Full PDB file with SEQRES, HELIX, SHEET, SSBOND, CRYST1, ORIGX, SCALE, CONECT and MASTER records, all heavy atoms in Angstrom:
SEQRES   1 A   31  ILE THR THR ALA THR ASN SER LEU THR ARG ALA SER GLY          
SEQRES   2 A   31  LEU VAL LYS ARG VAL ARG ILE PRO ARG GLU PHE VAL PRO          
SEQRES   3 A   31  LEU SER ALA LEU MET                                          
HELIX    1 AA1 THR A    2  THR A    5  1                                   4    
HELIX    2 AA2 SER A    7  ARG A   10  1                                   4    
HELIX    3 AA3 SER A   12  ARG A   17  1                                   6    
HELIX    4 AA4 PHE A   24  LEU A   30  1                                   7    
CRYST1    1.000    1.000    1.000  90.00  90.00  90.00 P 1           1          
ORIGX1      1.000000  0.000000  0.000000        0.00000                         
ORIGX2      0.000000  1.000000  0.000000        0.00000                         
ORIGX3      0.000000  0.000000  1.000000        0.00000                         
SCALE1      1.000000  0.000000  0.000000        0.00000                         
SCALE2      0.000000  1.000000  0.000000        0.00000                         
SCALE3      0.000000  0.000000  1.000000        0.00000                         
ATOM      1  N   ILE A   1     -11.198  -5.899   3.515  1.00  0.00           N  
ATOM      2  CA  ILE A   1     -11.597  -6.538   2.258  1.00  0.00           C  
ATOM      3  C   ILE A   1     -12.781  -5.826   1.639  1.00  0.00           C  
ATOM      4  O   ILE A   1     -12.812  -5.575   0.423  1.00  0.00           O  
ATOM      5  CB  ILE A   1     -11.908  -8.028   2.489  1.00  0.00           C  
ATOM      6  CG1 ILE A   1     -10.641  -8.768   2.918  1.00  0.00           C  
ATOM      7  CG2 ILE A   1     -12.486  -8.663   1.227  1.00  0.00           C  
ATOM      8  CD1 ILE A   1     -10.871 -10.216   3.322  1.00  0.00           C  
ATOM      9  N   THR A   2     -13.775  -5.479   2.445  1.00  0.00           N  
ATOM     10  CA  THR A   2     -14.970  -4.810   1.929  1.00  0.00           C  
ATOM     11  C   THR A   2     -14.627  -3.459   1.316  1.00  0.00           C  
ATOM     12  O   THR A   2     -15.100  -3.123   0.224  1.00  0.00           O  
ATOM     13  CB  THR A   2     -16.007  -4.629   3.055  1.00  0.00           C  
ATOM     14  OG1 THR A   2     -16.339  -5.912   3.601  1.00  0.00           O  
ATOM     15  CG2 THR A   2     -17.262  -3.973   2.519  1.00  0.00           C  
ATOM     16  N   THR A   3     -13.802  -2.677   2.008  1.00  0.00           N  
ATOM     17  CA  THR A   3     -13.438  -1.354   1.509  1.00  0.00           C  
ATOM     18  C   THR A   3     -12.521  -1.440   0.293  1.00  0.00           C  
ATOM     19  O   THR A   3     -12.672  -0.673  -0.664  1.00  0.00           O  
ATOM     20  CB  THR A   3     -12.745  -0.538   2.614  1.00  0.00           C  
ATOM     21  OG1 THR A   3     -13.543  -0.547   3.789  1.00  0.00           O  
ATOM     22  CG2 THR A   3     -12.546   0.907   2.175  1.00  0.00           C  
ATOM     23  N   ALA A   4     -11.588  -2.383   0.327  1.00  0.00           N  
ATOM     24  CA  ALA A   4     -10.641  -2.514  -0.784  1.00  0.00           C  
ATOM     25  C   ALA A   4     -11.317  -3.009  -2.051  1.00  0.00           C  
ATOM     26  O   ALA A   4     -10.900  -2.646  -3.160  1.00  0.00           O  
ATOM     27  CB  ALA A   4      -9.510  -3.462  -0.393  1.00  0.00           C  
ATOM     28  N   THR A   5     -12.362  -3.823  -1.914  1.00  0.00           N  
ATOM     29  CA  THR A   5     -12.995  -4.431  -3.085  1.00  0.00           C  
ATOM     30  C   THR A   5     -13.480  -3.388  -4.083  1.00  0.00           C  
ATOM     31  O   THR A   5     -13.275  -3.530  -5.296  1.00  0.00           O  
ATOM     32  CB  THR A   5     -14.158  -5.338  -2.651  1.00  0.00           C  
ATOM     33  OG1 THR A   5     -13.629  -6.422  -1.873  1.00  0.00           O  
ATOM     34  CG2 THR A   5     -14.911  -5.900  -3.850  1.00  0.00           C  
ATOM     35  N   ASN A   6     -14.116  -2.333  -3.608  1.00  0.00           N  
ATOM     36  CA  ASN A   6     -14.620  -1.304  -4.544  1.00  0.00           C  
ATOM     37  C   ASN A   6     -13.732  -0.064  -4.575  1.00  0.00           C  
ATOM     38  O   ASN A   6     -14.142   0.988  -5.053  1.00  0.00           O  
ATOM     39  CB  ASN A   6     -16.064  -0.921  -4.201  1.00  0.00           C  
ATOM     40  CG  ASN A   6     -16.191  -0.264  -2.840  1.00  0.00           C  
ATOM     41  OD1 ASN A   6     -15.201  -0.058  -2.144  1.00  0.00           O  
ATOM     42  ND2 ASN A   6     -17.409   0.062  -2.469  1.00  0.00           N  
ATOM     43  N   SER A   7     -12.496  -0.189  -4.059  1.00  0.00           N  
ATOM     44  CA  SER A   7     -11.609   0.977  -3.980  1.00  0.00           C  
ATOM     45  C   SER A   7     -11.196   1.468  -5.365  1.00  0.00           C  
ATOM     46  O   SER A   7     -11.115   2.676  -5.605  1.00  0.00           O  
ATOM     47  CB  SER A   7     -10.370   0.645  -3.148  1.00  0.00           C  
ATOM     48  OG  SER A   7      -9.634  -0.417  -3.730  1.00  0.00           O  
ATOM     49  N   LEU A   8     -10.909   0.563  -6.285  1.00  0.00           N  
ATOM     50  CA  LEU A   8     -10.465   0.975  -7.622  1.00  0.00           C  
ATOM     51  C   LEU A   8     -11.592   1.630  -8.402  1.00  0.00           C  
ATOM     52  O   LEU A   8     -11.395   2.645  -9.070  1.00  0.00           O  
ATOM     53  CB  LEU A   8      -9.932  -0.236  -8.390  1.00  0.00           C  
ATOM     54  CG  LEU A   8      -8.592  -0.798  -7.893  1.00  0.00           C  
ATOM     55  CD1 LEU A   8      -8.295  -2.132  -8.550  1.00  0.00           C  
ATOM     56  CD2 LEU A   8      -7.465   0.198  -8.174  1.00  0.00           C  
ATOM     57  N   THR A   9     -12.793   1.071  -8.320  1.00  0.00           N  
ATOM     58  CA  THR A   9     -13.930   1.669  -9.037  1.00  0.00           C  
ATOM     59  C   THR A   9     -14.368   2.970  -8.373  1.00  0.00           C  
ATOM     60  O   THR A   9     -14.802   3.902  -9.056  1.00  0.00           O  
ATOM     61  CB  THR A   9     -15.113   0.683  -9.065  1.00  0.00           C  
ATOM     62  OG1 THR A   9     -15.433   0.269  -7.722  1.00  0.00           O  
ATOM     63  CG2 THR A   9     -14.761  -0.557  -9.875  1.00  0.00           C  
ATOM     64  N   ARG A  10     -14.212   3.040  -7.049  1.00  0.00           N  
ATOM     65  CA  ARG A  10     -14.582   4.252  -6.326  1.00  0.00           C  
ATOM     66  C   ARG A  10     -13.620   5.396  -6.629  1.00  0.00           C  
ATOM     67  O   ARG A  10     -14.006   6.562  -6.638  1.00  0.00           O  
ATOM     68  CB  ARG A  10     -14.611   3.939  -4.830  1.00  0.00           C  
ATOM     69  CG  ARG A  10     -15.041   5.063  -3.917  1.00  0.00           C  
ATOM     70  CD  ARG A  10     -15.443   4.539  -2.552  1.00  0.00           C  
ATOM     71  NE  ARG A  10     -14.623   3.438  -2.100  1.00  0.00           N  
ATOM     72  CZ  ARG A  10     -13.536   3.562  -1.359  1.00  0.00           C  
ATOM     73  NH1 ARG A  10     -13.110   4.753  -1.011  1.00  0.00           N  
ATOM     74  NH2 ARG A  10     -12.857   2.492  -0.971  1.00  0.00           N  
ATOM     75  N   ALA A  11     -12.355   5.061  -6.883  1.00  0.00           N  
ATOM     76  CA  ALA A  11     -11.339   6.078  -7.173  1.00  0.00           C  
ATOM     77  C   ALA A  11     -10.985   6.066  -8.656  1.00  0.00           C  
ATOM     78  O   ALA A  11      -9.811   6.208  -9.029  1.00  0.00           O  
ATOM     79  CB  ALA A  11     -10.104   5.821  -6.324  1.00  0.00           C  
ATOM     80  N   SER A  12     -11.985   5.896  -9.507  1.00  0.00           N  
ATOM     81  CA  SER A  12     -11.741   5.760 -10.948  1.00  0.00           C  
ATOM     82  C   SER A  12     -11.005   6.974 -11.519  1.00  0.00           C  
ATOM     83  O   SER A  12     -10.126   6.833 -12.370  1.00  0.00           O  
ATOM     84  CB  SER A  12     -13.057   5.540 -11.690  1.00  0.00           C  
ATOM     85  OG  SER A  12     -13.958   6.610 -11.444  1.00  0.00           O  
ATOM     86  N   GLY A  13     -11.362   8.175 -11.069  1.00  0.00           N  
ATOM     87  CA  GLY A  13     -10.698   9.377 -11.570  1.00  0.00           C  
ATOM     88  C   GLY A  13      -9.224   9.382 -11.250  1.00  0.00           C  
ATOM     89  O   GLY A  13      -8.377   9.703 -12.096  1.00  0.00           O  
ATOM     90  N   LEU A  14      -8.883   8.999 -10.034  1.00  0.00           N  
ATOM     91  CA  LEU A  14      -7.484   8.951  -9.614  1.00  0.00           C  
ATOM     92  C   LEU A  14      -6.732   7.879 -10.387  1.00  0.00           C  
ATOM     93  O   LEU A  14      -5.608   8.100 -10.851  1.00  0.00           O  
ATOM     94  CB  LEU A  14      -7.412   8.670  -8.109  1.00  0.00           C  
ATOM     95  CG  LEU A  14      -6.014   8.521  -7.495  1.00  0.00           C  
ATOM     96  CD1 LEU A  14      -5.268   9.839  -7.562  1.00  0.00           C  
ATOM     97  CD2 LEU A  14      -6.126   8.035  -6.052  1.00  0.00           C  
ATOM     98  N   VAL A  15      -7.355   6.725 -10.554  1.00  0.00           N  
ATOM     99  CA  VAL A  15      -6.695   5.600 -11.210  1.00  0.00           C  
ATOM    100  C   VAL A  15      -6.408   5.894 -12.673  1.00  0.00           C  
ATOM    101  O   VAL A  15      -5.341   5.549 -13.200  1.00  0.00           O  
ATOM    102  CB  VAL A  15      -7.558   4.326 -11.071  1.00  0.00           C  
ATOM    103  CG1 VAL A  15      -6.985   3.185 -11.914  1.00  0.00           C  
ATOM    104  CG2 VAL A  15      -7.657   3.899  -9.613  1.00  0.00           C  
ATOM    105  N   LYS A  16      -7.326   6.577 -13.349  1.00  0.00           N  
ATOM    106  CA  LYS A  16      -7.195   6.790 -14.795  1.00  0.00           C  
ATOM    107  C   LYS A  16      -6.359   8.022 -15.142  1.00  0.00           C  
ATOM    108  O   LYS A  16      -5.727   8.073 -16.194  1.00  0.00           O  
ATOM    109  CB  LYS A  16      -8.576   6.923 -15.429  1.00  0.00           C  
ATOM    110  CG  LYS A  16      -9.406   5.646 -15.351  1.00  0.00           C  
ATOM    111  CD  LYS A  16     -10.772   5.806 -15.954  1.00  0.00           C  
ATOM    112  CE  LYS A  16     -10.706   5.882 -17.469  1.00  0.00           C  
ATOM    113  NZ  LYS A  16     -12.059   5.832 -18.081  1.00  0.00           N  
ATOM    114  N   ARG A  17      -6.350   9.035 -14.275  1.00  0.00           N  
ATOM    115  CA  ARG A  17      -5.726  10.308 -14.638  1.00  0.00           C  
ATOM    116  C   ARG A  17      -4.381  10.563 -13.981  1.00  0.00           C  
ATOM    117  O   ARG A  17      -3.609  11.407 -14.440  1.00  0.00           O  
ATOM    118  CB  ARG A  17      -6.668  11.459 -14.281  1.00  0.00           C  
ATOM    119  CG  ARG A  17      -7.975  11.415 -15.074  1.00  0.00           C  
ATOM    120  CD  ARG A  17      -8.967  12.411 -14.528  1.00  0.00           C  
ATOM    121  NE  ARG A  17     -10.292  12.230 -15.127  1.00  0.00           N  
ATOM    122  CZ  ARG A  17     -11.416  12.670 -14.603  1.00  0.00           C  
ATOM    123  NH1 ARG A  17     -11.367  13.336 -13.456  1.00  0.00           N  
ATOM    124  NH2 ARG A  17     -12.575  12.461 -15.198  1.00  0.00           N  
ATOM    125  N   VAL A  18      -4.090   9.850 -12.899  1.00  0.00           N  
ATOM    126  CA  VAL A  18      -2.845  10.094 -12.166  1.00  0.00           C  
ATOM    127  C   VAL A  18      -1.986   8.844 -12.235  1.00  0.00           C  
ATOM    128  O   VAL A  18      -2.466   7.731 -12.008  1.00  0.00           O  
ATOM    129  CB  VAL A  18      -3.128  10.459 -10.692  1.00  0.00           C  
ATOM    130  CG1 VAL A  18      -1.823  10.746  -9.957  1.00  0.00           C  
ATOM    131  CG2 VAL A  18      -4.070  11.654 -10.615  1.00  0.00           C  
ATOM    132  N   ARG A  19      -0.708   9.035 -12.555  1.00  0.00           N  
ATOM    133  CA  ARG A  19       0.208   7.900 -12.630  1.00  0.00           C  
ATOM    134  C   ARG A  19       0.696   7.536 -11.225  1.00  0.00           C  
ATOM    135  O   ARG A  19       1.603   8.177 -10.683  1.00  0.00           O  
ATOM    136  CB  ARG A  19       1.389   8.238 -13.551  1.00  0.00           C  
ATOM    137  CG  ARG A  19       1.014   8.383 -15.013  1.00  0.00           C  
ATOM    138  CD  ARG A  19       2.244   8.600 -15.871  1.00  0.00           C  
ATOM    139  NE  ARG A  19       3.179   7.494 -15.765  1.00  0.00           N  
ATOM    140  CZ  ARG A  19       3.096   6.371 -16.489  1.00  0.00           C  
ATOM    141  NH1 ARG A  19       2.101   6.222 -17.363  1.00  0.00           N  
ATOM    142  NH2 ARG A  19       3.996   5.412 -16.356  1.00  0.00           N  
ATOM    143  N   ILE A  20       0.052   6.542 -10.646  1.00  0.00           N  
ATOM    144  CA  ILE A  20       0.446   6.032  -9.337  1.00  0.00           C  
ATOM    145  C   ILE A  20       0.471   4.513  -9.407  1.00  0.00           C  
ATOM    146  O   ILE A  20      -0.175   3.918 -10.273  1.00  0.00           O  
ATOM    147  CB  ILE A  20      -0.535   6.473  -8.219  1.00  0.00           C  
ATOM    148  CG1 ILE A  20      -1.938   5.903  -8.485  1.00  0.00           C  
ATOM    149  CG2 ILE A  20      -0.584   7.970  -8.077  1.00  0.00           C  
ATOM    150  CD1 ILE A  20      -2.895   6.086  -7.335  1.00  0.00           C  
ATOM    151  N   PRO A  21       1.227   3.872  -8.531  1.00  0.00           N  
ATOM    152  CA  PRO A  21       1.134   2.408  -8.461  1.00  0.00           C  
ATOM    153  C   PRO A  21      -0.290   2.024  -8.055  1.00  0.00           C  
ATOM    154  O   PRO A  21      -0.745   2.386  -6.967  1.00  0.00           O  
ATOM    155  CB  PRO A  21       2.145   2.040  -7.368  1.00  0.00           C  
ATOM    156  CG  PRO A  21       3.075   3.207  -7.293  1.00  0.00           C  
ATOM    157  CD  PRO A  21       2.238   4.404  -7.611  1.00  0.00           C  
ATOM    158  N   ARG A  22      -0.992   1.353  -8.914  1.00  0.00           N  
ATOM    159  CA  ARG A  22      -2.412   1.103  -8.657  1.00  0.00           C  
ATOM    160  C   ARG A  22      -2.648   0.159  -7.482  1.00  0.00           C  
ATOM    161  O   ARG A  22      -3.751   0.141  -6.925  1.00  0.00           O  
ATOM    162  CB  ARG A  22      -3.059   0.563  -9.924  1.00  0.00           C  
ATOM    163  CG  ARG A  22      -3.187   1.655 -10.992  1.00  0.00           C  
ATOM    164  CD  ARG A  22      -3.625   1.127 -12.312  1.00  0.00           C  
ATOM    165  NE  ARG A  22      -3.956   2.227 -13.223  1.00  0.00           N  
ATOM    166  CZ  ARG A  22      -4.303   2.056 -14.495  1.00  0.00           C  
ATOM    167  NH1 ARG A  22      -4.337   0.840 -15.006  1.00  0.00           N  
ATOM    168  NH2 ARG A  22      -4.589   3.092 -15.246  1.00  0.00           N  
ATOM    169  N   GLU A  23      -1.631  -0.597  -7.121  1.00  0.00           N  
ATOM    170  CA  GLU A  23      -1.766  -1.425  -5.923  1.00  0.00           C  
ATOM    171  C   GLU A  23      -1.991  -0.573  -4.684  1.00  0.00           C  
ATOM    172  O   GLU A  23      -2.578  -1.043  -3.704  1.00  0.00           O  
ATOM    173  CB  GLU A  23      -0.506  -2.280  -5.717  1.00  0.00           C  
ATOM    174  CG  GLU A  23      -0.225  -3.268  -6.813  1.00  0.00           C  
ATOM    175  CD  GLU A  23       0.694  -2.698  -7.870  1.00  0.00           C  
ATOM    176  OE1 GLU A  23       0.740  -1.455  -8.024  1.00  0.00           O  
ATOM    177  OE2 GLU A  23       1.371  -3.491  -8.553  1.00  0.00           O  
ATOM    178  N   PHE A  24      -1.514   0.679  -4.718  1.00  0.00           N  
ATOM    179  CA  PHE A  24      -1.632   1.551  -3.557  1.00  0.00           C  
ATOM    180  C   PHE A  24      -3.087   1.841  -3.193  1.00  0.00           C  
ATOM    181  O   PHE A  24      -3.379   2.131  -2.030  1.00  0.00           O  
ATOM    182  CB  PHE A  24      -0.904   2.876  -3.813  1.00  0.00           C  
ATOM    183  CG  PHE A  24       0.580   2.803  -3.616  1.00  0.00           C  
ATOM    184  CD1 PHE A  24       1.230   1.584  -3.600  1.00  0.00           C  
ATOM    185  CD2 PHE A  24       1.342   3.951  -3.447  1.00  0.00           C  
ATOM    186  CE1 PHE A  24       2.607   1.508  -3.415  1.00  0.00           C  
ATOM    187  CE2 PHE A  24       2.719   3.887  -3.264  1.00  0.00           C  
ATOM    188  CZ  PHE A  24       3.345   2.658  -3.255  1.00  0.00           C  
ATOM    189  N   VAL A  25      -3.983   1.777  -4.173  1.00  0.00           N  
ATOM    190  CA  VAL A  25      -5.373   2.127  -3.889  1.00  0.00           C  
ATOM    191  C   VAL A  25      -6.018   1.096  -2.952  1.00  0.00           C  
ATOM    192  O   VAL A  25      -6.511   1.468  -1.876  1.00  0.00           O  
ATOM    193  CB  VAL A  25      -6.181   2.282  -5.192  1.00  0.00           C  
ATOM    194  CG1 VAL A  25      -7.642   2.600  -4.882  1.00  0.00           C  
ATOM    195  CG2 VAL A  25      -5.573   3.375  -6.065  1.00  0.00           C  
ATOM    196  N   PRO A  26      -6.028  -0.218  -3.292  1.00  0.00           N  
ATOM    197  CA  PRO A  26      -6.568  -1.173  -2.313  1.00  0.00           C  
ATOM    198  C   PRO A  26      -5.703  -1.301  -1.065  1.00  0.00           C  
ATOM    199  O   PRO A  26      -6.225  -1.534   0.037  1.00  0.00           O  
ATOM    200  CB  PRO A  26      -6.616  -2.495  -3.094  1.00  0.00           C  
ATOM    201  CG  PRO A  26      -5.685  -2.331  -4.237  1.00  0.00           C  
ATOM    202  CD  PRO A  26      -5.717  -0.879  -4.577  1.00  0.00           C  
ATOM    203  N   LEU A  27      -4.382  -1.121  -1.214  1.00  0.00           N  
ATOM    204  CA  LEU A  27      -3.516  -1.230  -0.038  1.00  0.00           C  
ATOM    205  C   LEU A  27      -3.758  -0.091   0.949  1.00  0.00           C  
ATOM    206  O   LEU A  27      -3.572  -0.267   2.159  1.00  0.00           O  
ATOM    207  CB  LEU A  27      -2.051  -1.248  -0.462  1.00  0.00           C  
ATOM    208  CG  LEU A  27      -1.558  -2.526  -1.153  1.00  0.00           C  
ATOM    209  CD1 LEU A  27      -0.083  -2.420  -1.498  1.00  0.00           C  
ATOM    210  CD2 LEU A  27      -1.823  -3.754  -0.292  1.00  0.00           C  
ATOM    211  N   SER A  28      -4.167   1.074   0.453  1.00  0.00           N  
ATOM    212  CA  SER A  28      -4.468   2.178   1.368  1.00  0.00           C  
ATOM    213  C   SER A  28      -5.690   1.852   2.224  1.00  0.00           C  
ATOM    214  O   SER A  28      -5.755   2.230   3.403  1.00  0.00           O  
ATOM    215  CB  SER A  28      -4.691   3.482   0.587  1.00  0.00           C  
ATOM    216  OG  SER A  28      -5.833   3.398  -0.235  1.00  0.00           O  
ATOM    217  N   ALA A  29      -6.669   1.142   1.632  1.00  0.00           N  
ATOM    218  CA  ALA A  29      -7.830   0.700   2.410  1.00  0.00           C  
ATOM    219  C   ALA A  29      -7.400  -0.295   3.479  1.00  0.00           C  
ATOM    220  O   ALA A  29      -7.892  -0.266   4.619  1.00  0.00           O  
ATOM    221  CB  ALA A  29      -8.868   0.073   1.478  1.00  0.00           C  
ATOM    222  N   LEU A  30      -6.484  -1.178   3.122  1.00  0.00           N  
ATOM    223  CA  LEU A  30      -5.961  -2.152   4.087  1.00  0.00           C  
ATOM    224  C   LEU A  30      -5.213  -1.448   5.219  1.00  0.00           C  
ATOM    225  O   LEU A  30      -5.427  -1.756   6.398  1.00  0.00           O  
ATOM    226  CB  LEU A  30      -5.034  -3.133   3.364  1.00  0.00           C  
ATOM    227  CG  LEU A  30      -4.191  -4.068   4.236  1.00  0.00           C  
ATOM    228  CD1 LEU A  30      -5.067  -4.895   5.156  1.00  0.00           C  
ATOM    229  CD2 LEU A  30      -3.321  -4.963   3.364  1.00  0.00           C  
ATOM    230  N   MET A  31      -4.348  -0.489   4.896  1.00  0.00           N  
ATOM    231  CA  MET A  31      -3.578   0.201   5.916  1.00  0.00           C  
ATOM    232  C   MET A  31      -4.459   1.054   6.828  1.00  0.00           C  
ATOM    233  O   MET A  31      -4.190   1.188   8.024  1.00  0.00           O  
ATOM    234  CB  MET A  31      -2.507   1.073   5.253  1.00  0.00           C  
ATOM    235  CG  MET A  31      -1.397   0.307   4.563  1.00  0.00           C  
ATOM    236  SD  MET A  31      -0.418  -0.720   5.709  1.00  0.00           S  
ATOM    237  CE  MET A  31      -1.059  -2.360   5.308  1.00  0.00           C  
TER     238      MET A  31                                                      
MASTER        0    0    0    4    0    0    0    6  237    1    0    3          
END                                                                             
């Protein structure tokens, strides 16, 4: 939970510039 919470803001470049399912970013922290 702690890592996933700031995962989207931490990976802002990836989220904004690359077309990926954005759920994958917090889910990768969970996995």
